[in-house]
Amino acid sequence: VEIKKNDFLIEKGKTANHYFFIESGFFRSYSVNL
């Protein structure tokens, strides 16, 4: 799969039905504080 910058590989609130190995590129997970 090809992913564009700023797109989401995993979305908050949805169930993760896949997992991924990264061939190229960078990602981050994050949370939002109070």
All heavy atoms as atom14 arrays in JSON, in Angstrom:
{
  "sequence": "VEIKKNDFLIEKGKTANHYFFIESGFFRSYSVNL",
  "atom14_mask": [
    [1, 1, 1, 1, 1, 1, 1, 0, 0, 0, 0, 0, 0, 0],
    [1, 1, 1, 1, 1, 1, 1, 1, 1, 0, 0, 0, 0, 0],
    [1, 1, 1, 1, 1, 1, 1, 1, 0, 0, 0, 0, 0, 0],
    [1, 1, 1, 1, 1, 1, 1, 1, 1, 0, 0, 0, 0, 0],
    [1, 1, 1, 1, 1, 1, 1, 1, 1, 0, 0, 0, 0, 0],
    [1, 1, 1, 1, 1, 1, 1, 1, 0, 0, 0, 0, 0, 0],
    [1, 1, 1, 1, 1, 1, 1, 1, 0, 0, 0, 0, 0, 0],
    [1, 1, 1, 1, 1, 1, 1, 1, 1, 1, 1, 0, 0, 0],
    [1, 1, 1, 1, 1, 1, 1, 1, 0, 0, 0, 0, 0, 0],
    [1, 1, 1, 1, 1, 1, 1, 1, 0, 0, 0, 0, 0, 0],
    [1, 1, 1, 1, 1, 1, 1, 1, 1, 0, 0, 0, 0, 0],
    [1, 1, 1, 1, 1, 1, 1, 1, 1, 0, 0, 0, 0, 0],
    [1, 1, 1, 1, 0, 0, 0, 0, 0, 0, 0, 0, 0, 0],
    [1, 1, 1, 1, 1, 1, 1, 1, 1, 0, 0, 0, 0, 0],
    [1, 1, 1, 1, 1, 1, 1, 0, 0, 0, 0, 0, 0, 0],
    [1, 1, 1, 1, 1, 0, 0, 0, 0, 0, 0, 0, 0, 0],
    [1, 1, 1, 1, 1, 1, 1, 1, 0, 0, 0, 0, 0, 0],
    [1, 1, 1, 1, 1, 1, 1, 1, 1, 1, 0, 0, 0, 0],
    [1, 1, 1, 1, 1, 1, 1, 1, 1, 1, 1, 1, 0, 0],
    [1, 1, 1, 1, 1, 1, 1, 1, 1, 1, 1, 0, 0, 0],
    [1, 1, 1, 1, 1, 1, 1, 1, 1, 1, 1, 0, 0, 0],
    [1, 1, 1, 1, 1, 1, 1, 1, 0, 0, 0, 0, 0, 0],
    [1, 1, 1, 1, 1, 1, 1, 1, 1, 0, 0, 0, 0, 0],
    [1, 1, 1, 1, 1, 1, 0, 0, 0, 0, 0, 0, 0, 0],
    [1, 1, 1, 1, 0, 0, 0, 0, 0, 0, 0, 0, 0, 0],
    [1, 1, 1, 1, 1, 1, 1, 1, 1, 1, 1, 0, 0, 0],
    [1, 1, 1, 1, 1, 1, 1, 1, 1, 1, 1, 0, 0, 0],
    [1, 1, 1, 1, 1, 1, 1, 1, 1, 1, 1, 0, 0, 0],
    [1, 1, 1, 1, 1, 1, 0, 0, 0, 0, 0, 0, 0, 0],
    [1, 1, 1, 1, 1, 1, 1, 1, 1, 1, 1, 1, 0, 0],
    [1, 1, 1, 1, 1, 1, 0, 0, 0, 0, 0, 0, 0, 0],
    [1, 1, 1, 1, 1, 1, 1, 0, 0, 0, 0, 0, 0, 0],
    [1, 1, 1, 1, 1, 1, 1, 1, 0, 0, 0, 0, 0, 0],
    [1, 1, 1, 1, 1, 1, 1, 1, 0, 0, 0, 0, 0, 0]
  ],
  "atom14_positions": [
    [[0.85, -1.19, 0.0], [0.0, 0.0, 0.0], [0.88, 1.24, 0.0], [1.94, 1.27, 0.63], [-0.96, 0.03, 1.22], [-2.01, -1.03, 1.11], [-0.2, -0.09, 2.53], [0.0, 0.0, 0.0], [0.0, 0.0, 0.0], [0.0, 0.0, 0.0], [0.0, 0.0, 0.0], [0.0, 0.0, 0.0], [0.0, 0.0, 0.0], [0.0, 0.0, 0.0]],
    [[0.44, 2.26, -0.71], [1.13, 3.55, -0.75], [0.34, 4.55, 0.1], [-0.87, 4.68, -0.04], [1.24, 4.06, -2.19], [1.95, 3.12, -3.16], [3.44, 2.98, -2.85], [3.97, 3.87, -2.16], [4.05, 2.0, -3.31], [0.0, 0.0, 0.0], [0.0, 0.0, 0.0], [0.0, 0.0, 0.0], [0.0, 0.0, 0.0], [0.0, 0.0, 0.0]],
    [[1.04, 5.24, 0.97], [0.42, 6.18, 1.91], [0.93, 7.59, 1.63], [2.14, 7.79, 1.49], [0.73, 5.79, 3.37], [0.39, 4.31, 3.62], [-0.02, 6.7, 4.34], [-1.06, 3.98, 3.49], [0.0, 0.0, 0.0], [0.0, 0.0, 0.0], [0.0, 0.0, 0.0], [0.0, 0.0, 0.0], [0.0, 0.0, 0.0], [0.0, 0.0, 0.0]],
    [[0.02, 8.54, 1.56], [0.4, 9.93, 1.35], [0.71, 10.62, 2.68], [0.15, 10.25, 3.71], [-0.72, 10.69, 0.63], [-1.05, 10.18, -0.76], [0.11, 10.4, -1.71], [-0.26, 10.01, -3.14], [0.9, 10.18, -4.06], [0.0, 0.0, 0.0], [0.0, 0.0, 0.0], [0.0, 0.0, 0.0], [0.0, 0.0, 0.0], [0.0, 0.0, 0.0]],
    [[1.57, 11.6, 2.63], [1.9, 12.38, 3.82], [0.62, 12.93, 4.46], [-0.27, 13.41, 3.76], [2.83, 13.54, 3.45], [3.25, 14.41, 4.62], [4.19, 15.51, 4.16], [4.59, 16.41, 5.33], [5.52, 17.5, 4.91], [0.0, 0.0, 0.0], [0.0, 0.0, 0.0], [0.0, 0.0, 0.0], [0.0, 0.0, 0.0], [0.0, 0.0, 0.0]],
    [[0.54, 12.82, 5.78], [-0.58, 13.27, 6.62], [-1.77, 12.31, 6.64], [-2.7, 12.52, 7.43], [-1.06, 14.68, 6.23], [0.01, 15.74, 6.48], [0.76, 15.66, 7.44], [0.09, 16.73, 5.6], [0.0, 0.0, 0.0], [0.0, 0.0, 0.0], [0.0, 0.0, 0.0], [0.0, 0.0, 0.0], [0.0, 0.0, 0.0], [0.0, 0.0, 0.0]],
    [[-1.75, 11.28, 5.78], [-2.83, 10.29, 5.84], [-2.64, 9.4, 7.08], [-1.54, 9.32, 7.64], [-2.84, 9.41, 4.59], [-3.44, 10.12, 3.39], [-3.97, 11.24, 3.56], [-3.37, 9.56, 2.27], [0.0, 0.0, 0.0], [0.0, 0.0, 0.0], [0.0, 0.0, 0.0], [0.0, 0.0, 0.0], [0.0, 0.0, 0.0], [0.0, 0.0, 0.0]],
    [[-3.72, 8.74, 7.47], [-3.68, 7.92, 8.68], [-3.59, 6.44, 8.32], [-4.37, 5.94, 7.51], [-4.92, 8.17, 9.53], [-4.92, 9.52, 10.2], [-5.51, 10.61, 9.58], [-4.29, 9.71, 11.43], [-5.5, 11.86, 10.18], [-4.28, 10.94, 12.03], [-4.88, 12.03, 11.42], [0.0, 0.0, 0.0], [0.0, 0.0, 0.0], [0.0, 0.0, 0.0]],
    [[-2.65, 5.77, 8.95], [-2.52, 4.33, 8.8], [-3.47, 3.63, 9.77], [-4.07, 2.61, 9.45], [-1.07, 3.9, 9.07], [-0.58, 2.62, 8.42], [-0.73, 2.69, 6.9], [0.88, 2.39, 8.79], [0.0, 0.0, 0.0], [0.0, 0.0, 0.0], [0.0, 0.0, 0.0], [0.0, 0.0, 0.0], [0.0, 0.0, 0.0], [0.0, 0.0, 0.0]],
    [[-3.59, 4.2, 10.95], [-4.53, 3.74, 11.97], [-5.31, 4.95, 12.46], [-4.71, 5.99, 12.74], [-3.79, 3.06, 13.15], [-3.1, 1.77, 12.68], [-4.74, 2.78, 14.31], [-2.26, 1.09, 13.75], [0.0, 0.0, 0.0], [0.0, 0.0, 0.0], [0.0, 0.0, 0.0], [0.0, 0.0, 0.0], [0.0, 0.0, 0.0], [0.0, 0.0, 0.0]],
    [[-6.62, 4.84, 12.57], [-7.45, 5.95, 12.99], [-8.02, 5.72, 14.38], [-8.48, 4.62, 14.7], [-8.59, 6.17, 11.98], [-8.12, 6.55, 10.6], [-9.27, 6.87, 9.66], [-10.04, 7.8, 9.95], [-9.42, 6.17, 8.64], [0.0, 0.0, 0.0], [0.0, 0.0, 0.0], [0.0, 0.0, 0.0], [0.0, 0.0, 0.0], [0.0, 0.0, 0.0]],
    [[-8.0, 6.76, 15.18], [-8.55, 6.68, 16.53], [-10.05, 6.38, 16.46], [-10.77, 6.93, 15.64], [-8.31, 7.99, 17.27], [-8.83, 7.99, 18.7], [-8.56, 9.31, 19.4], [-9.12, 9.29, 20.82], [-8.87, 10.58, 21.53], [0.0, 0.0, 0.0], [0.0, 0.0, 0.0], [0.0, 0.0, 0.0], [0.0, 0.0, 0.0], [0.0, 0.0, 0.0]],
    [[-10.5, 5.5, 17.34], [-11.92, 5.19, 17.42], [-12.35, 4.03, 16.54], [-13.45, 3.5, 16.69], [0.0, 0.0, 0.0], [0.0, 0.0, 0.0], [0.0, 0.0, 0.0], [0.0, 0.0, 0.0], [0.0, 0.0, 0.0], [0.0, 0.0, 0.0], [0.0, 0.0, 0.0], [0.0, 0.0, 0.0], [0.0, 0.0, 0.0], [0.0, 0.0, 0.0]],
    [[-11.46, 3.61, 15.62], [-11.78, 2.48, 14.75], [-11.02, 1.24, 15.23], [-10.01, 1.34, 15.92], [-11.41, 2.8, 13.3], [-12.27, 3.9, 12.68], [-11.98, 4.07, 11.2], [-12.89, 5.11, 10.57], [-12.64, 5.27, 9.11], [0.0, 0.0, 0.0], [0.0, 0.0, 0.0], [0.0, 0.0, 0.0], [0.0, 0.0, 0.0], [0.0, 0.0, 0.0]],
    [[-11.5, 0.09, 14.84], [-10.86, -1.16, 15.22], [-9.75, -1.49, 14.23], [-9.96, -1.41, 13.01], [-11.87, -2.31, 15.26], [-12.92, -1.97, 16.16], [-11.21, -3.6, 15.73], [0.0, 0.0, 0.0], [0.0, 0.0, 0.0], [0.0, 0.0, 0.0], [0.0, 0.0, 0.0], [0.0, 0.0, 0.0], [0.0, 0.0, 0.0], [0.0, 0.0, 0.0]],
    [[-8.58, -1.84, 14.74], [-7.45, -2.16, 13.89], [-7.58, -3.6, 13.37], [-7.4, -4.55, 14.13], [-6.15, -2.0, 14.66], [0.0, 0.0, 0.0], [0.0, 0.0, 0.0], [0.0, 0.0, 0.0], [0.0, 0.0, 0.0], [0.0, 0.0, 0.0], [0.0, 0.0, 0.0], [0.0, 0.0, 0.0], [0.0, 0.0, 0.0], [0.0, 0.0, 0.0]],
    [[-7.9, -3.73, 12.09], [-8.06, -5.06, 11.48], [-6.85, -5.47, 10.65], [-6.85, -6.52, 10.03], [-9.31, -5.07, 10.6], [-10.58, -4.88, 11.4], [-10.74, -5.47, 12.46], [-11.49, -4.06, 10.91], [0.0, 0.0, 0.0], [0.0, 0.0, 0.0], [0.0, 0.0, 0.0], [0.0, 0.0, 0.0], [0.0, 0.0, 0.0], [0.0, 0.0, 0.0]],
    [[-5.84, -4.6, 10.62], [-4.62, -4.88, 9.87], [-3.41, -4.45, 10.7], [-3.53, -3.63, 11.61], [-4.58, -4.11, 8.55], [-5.67, -4.46, 7.59], [-6.94, -3.93, 7.67], [-5.68, -5.3, 6.52], [-7.68, -4.42, 6.69], [-6.95, -5.25, 5.98], [0.0, 0.0, 0.0], [0.0, 0.0, 0.0], [0.0, 0.0, 0.0], [0.0, 0.0, 0.0]],
    [[-2.26, -4.98, 10.36], [-1.03, -4.36, 10.81], [-0.11, -4.23, 9.61], [-0.36, -4.8, 8.54], [-0.39, -5.07, 12.0], [0.19, -6.44, 11.76], [1.44, -6.61, 11.16], [-0.48, -7.58, 12.21], [2.0, -7.86, 10.99], [0.08, -8.84, 12.06], [1.31, -8.97, 11.44], [1.85, -10.22, 11.27], [0.0, 0.0, 0.0], [0.0, 0.0, 0.0]],
    [[0.97, -3.46, 9.78], [1.77, -3.02, 8.65], [3.27, -3.14, 8.95], [3.7, -2.98, 10.09], [1.47, -1.55, 8.31], [0.02, -1.24, 8.1], [-0.82, -1.04, 9.19], [-0.51, -1.12, 6.82], [-2.17, -0.74, 9.0], [-1.85, -0.83, 6.63], [-2.68, -0.64, 7.72], [0.0, 0.0, 0.0], [0.0, 0.0, 0.0], [0.0, 0.0, 0.0]],
    [[4.05, -3.37, 7.88], [5.48, -3.21, 7.95], [5.85, -2.05, 7.02], [5.36, -1.96, 5.89], [6.22, -4.48, 7.51], [6.15, -5.58, 8.52], [5.38, -6.72, 8.27], [6.84, -5.49, 9.72], [5.31, -7.75, 9.2], [6.76, -6.51, 10.66], [6.0, -7.64, 10.4], [0.0, 0.0, 0.0], [0.0, 0.0, 0.0], [0.0, 0.0, 0.0]],
    [[6.72, -1.17, 7.5], [7.09, 0.01, 6.73], [8.29, -0.3, 5.84], [9.36, -0.67, 6.33], [7.44, 1.19, 7.65], [6.27, 1.52, 8.57], [7.82, 2.42, 6.82], [6.6, 2.57, 9.63], [0.0, 0.0, 0.0], [0.0, 0.0, 0.0], [0.0, 0.0, 0.0], [0.0, 0.0, 0.0], [0.0, 0.0, 0.0], [0.0, 0.0, 0.0]],
    [[8.1, -0.14, 4.55], [9.22, -0.28, 3.61], [9.97, 1.03, 3.48], [11.21, 1.05, 3.41], [8.71, -0.74, 2.24], [9.83, -0.89, 1.22], [9.34, -1.47, -0.09], [8.29, -2.15, -0.11], [10.03, -1.26, -1.11], [0.0, 0.0, 0.0], [0.0, 0.0, 0.0], [0.0, 0.0, 0.0], [0.0, 0.0, 0.0], [0.0, 0.0, 0.0]],
    [[9.25, 2.13, 3.43], [9.87, 3.45, 3.36], [8.93, 4.48, 3.96], [7.71, 4.29, 3.96], [10.2, 3.83, 1.9], [9.0, 3.94, 1.14], [0.0, 0.0, 0.0], [0.0, 0.0, 0.0], [0.0, 0.0, 0.0], [0.0, 0.0, 0.0], [0.0, 0.0, 0.0], [0.0, 0.0, 0.0], [0.0, 0.0, 0.0], [0.0, 0.0, 0.0]],
    [[9.5, 5.55, 4.48], [8.68, 6.61, 5.07], [8.72, 6.61, 6.59], [9.33, 5.72, 7.22], [0.0, 0.0, 0.0], [0.0, 0.0, 0.0], [0.0, 0.0, 0.0], [0.0, 0.0, 0.0], [0.0, 0.0, 0.0], [0.0, 0.0, 0.0], [0.0, 0.0, 0.0], [0.0, 0.0, 0.0], [0.0, 0.0, 0.0], [0.0, 0.0, 0.0]],
    [[8.05, 7.61, 7.17], [8.03, 7.78, 8.61], [6.6, 8.08, 9.09], [5.84, 8.75, 8.41], [8.95, 8.95, 9.02], [10.37, 8.77, 8.58], [10.82, 9.32, 7.39], [11.26, 8.03, 9.34], [12.13, 9.14, 6.97], [12.57, 7.84, 8.93], [13.0, 8.4, 7.74], [0.0, 0.0, 0.0], [0.0, 0.0, 0.0], [0.0, 0.0, 0.0]],
    [[6.3, 7.58, 10.29], [4.99, 7.76, 10.9], [5.16, 8.16, 12.37], [6.23, 7.99, 12.95], [4.17, 6.47, 10.85], [3.8, 6.01, 9.47], [4.71, 5.32, 8.68], [2.53, 6.26, 8.96], [4.37, 4.89, 7.4], [2.18, 5.83, 7.69], [3.1, 5.15, 6.91], [0.0, 0.0, 0.0], [0.0, 0.0, 0.0], [0.0, 0.0, 0.0]],
    [[4.08, 8.64, 12.96], [4.06, 8.86, 14.4], [2.68, 8.52, 14.93], [1.66, 8.69, 14.25], [4.4, 10.3, 14.77], [3.27, 11.3, 14.48], [3.59, 12.67, 15.05], [2.47, 13.6, 14.83], [1.87, 14.31, 15.77], [2.28, 14.22, 17.03], [0.87, 15.12, 15.49], [0.0, 0.0, 0.0], [0.0, 0.0, 0.0], [0.0, 0.0, 0.0]],
    [[2.64, 8.04, 16.17], [1.38, 7.92, 16.9], [1.33, 9.07, 17.89], [2.38, 9.56, 18.33], [1.29, 6.57, 17.62], [2.35, 6.42, 18.55], [0.0, 0.0, 0.0], [0.0, 0.0, 0.0], [0.0, 0.0, 0.0], [0.0, 0.0, 0.0], [0.0, 0.0, 0.0], [0.0, 0.0, 0.0], [0.0, 0.0, 0.0], [0.0, 0.0, 0.0]],
    [[0.14, 9.48, 18.23], [0.05, 10.61, 19.15], [-1.27, 10.58, 19.91], [-2.23, 9.9, 19.52], [0.19, 11.94, 18.41], [-0.94, 12.25, 17.45], [-2.07, 12.97, 17.87], [-0.88, 11.85, 16.11], [-3.1, 13.26, 16.98], [-1.91, 12.13, 15.23], [-3.01, 12.85, 15.67], [-4.05, 13.12, 14.79], [0.0, 0.0, 0.0], [0.0, 0.0, 0.0]],
    [[-1.3, 11.32, 21.0], [-2.52, 11.54, 21.76], [-2.7, 13.04, 21.96], [-1.75, 13.81, 21.77], [-2.47, 10.83, 23.12], [-1.39, 11.32, 23.89], [0.0, 0.0, 0.0], [0.0, 0.0, 0.0], [0.0, 0.0, 0.0], [0.0, 0.0, 0.0], [0.0, 0.0, 0.0], [0.0, 0.0, 0.0], [0.0, 0.0, 0.0], [0.0, 0.0, 0.0]],
    [[-3.89, 13.45, 22.33], [-4.18, 14.87, 22.55], [-4.45, 15.06, 24.04], [-5.33, 14.4, 24.61], [-5.39, 15.33, 21.71], [-5.7, 16.8, 22.0], [-5.11, 15.12, 20.22], [0.0, 0.0, 0.0], [0.0, 0.0, 0.0], [0.0, 0.0, 0.0], [0.0, 0.0, 0.0], [0.0, 0.0, 0.0], [0.0, 0.0, 0.0], [0.0, 0.0, 0.0]],
    [[-3.69, 15.95, 24.68], [-3.85, 16.14, 26.12], [-5.05, 17.03, 26.44], [-5.77, 17.49, 25.54], [-2.56, 16.69, 26.75], [-2.2, 18.09, 26.25], [-3.03, 18.8, 25.68], [-0.96, 18.49, 26.5], [0.0, 0.0, 0.0], [0.0, 0.0, 0.0], [0.0, 0.0, 0.0], [0.0, 0.0, 0.0], [0.0, 0.0, 0.0], [0.0, 0.0, 0.0]],
    [[-5.25, 17.29, 27.72], [-6.43, 18.05, 28.16], [-6.42, 19.49, 27.65], [-7.46, 20.14, 27.59], [-6.51, 18.03, 29.69], [-6.75, 16.64, 30.31], [-6.72, 16.74, 31.84], [-8.07, 16.06, 29.83], [0.0, 0.0, 0.0], [0.0, 0.0, 0.0], [0.0, 0.0, 0.0], [0.0, 0.0, 0.0], [0.0, 0.0, 0.0], [0.0, 0.0, 0.0]]
  ]
}
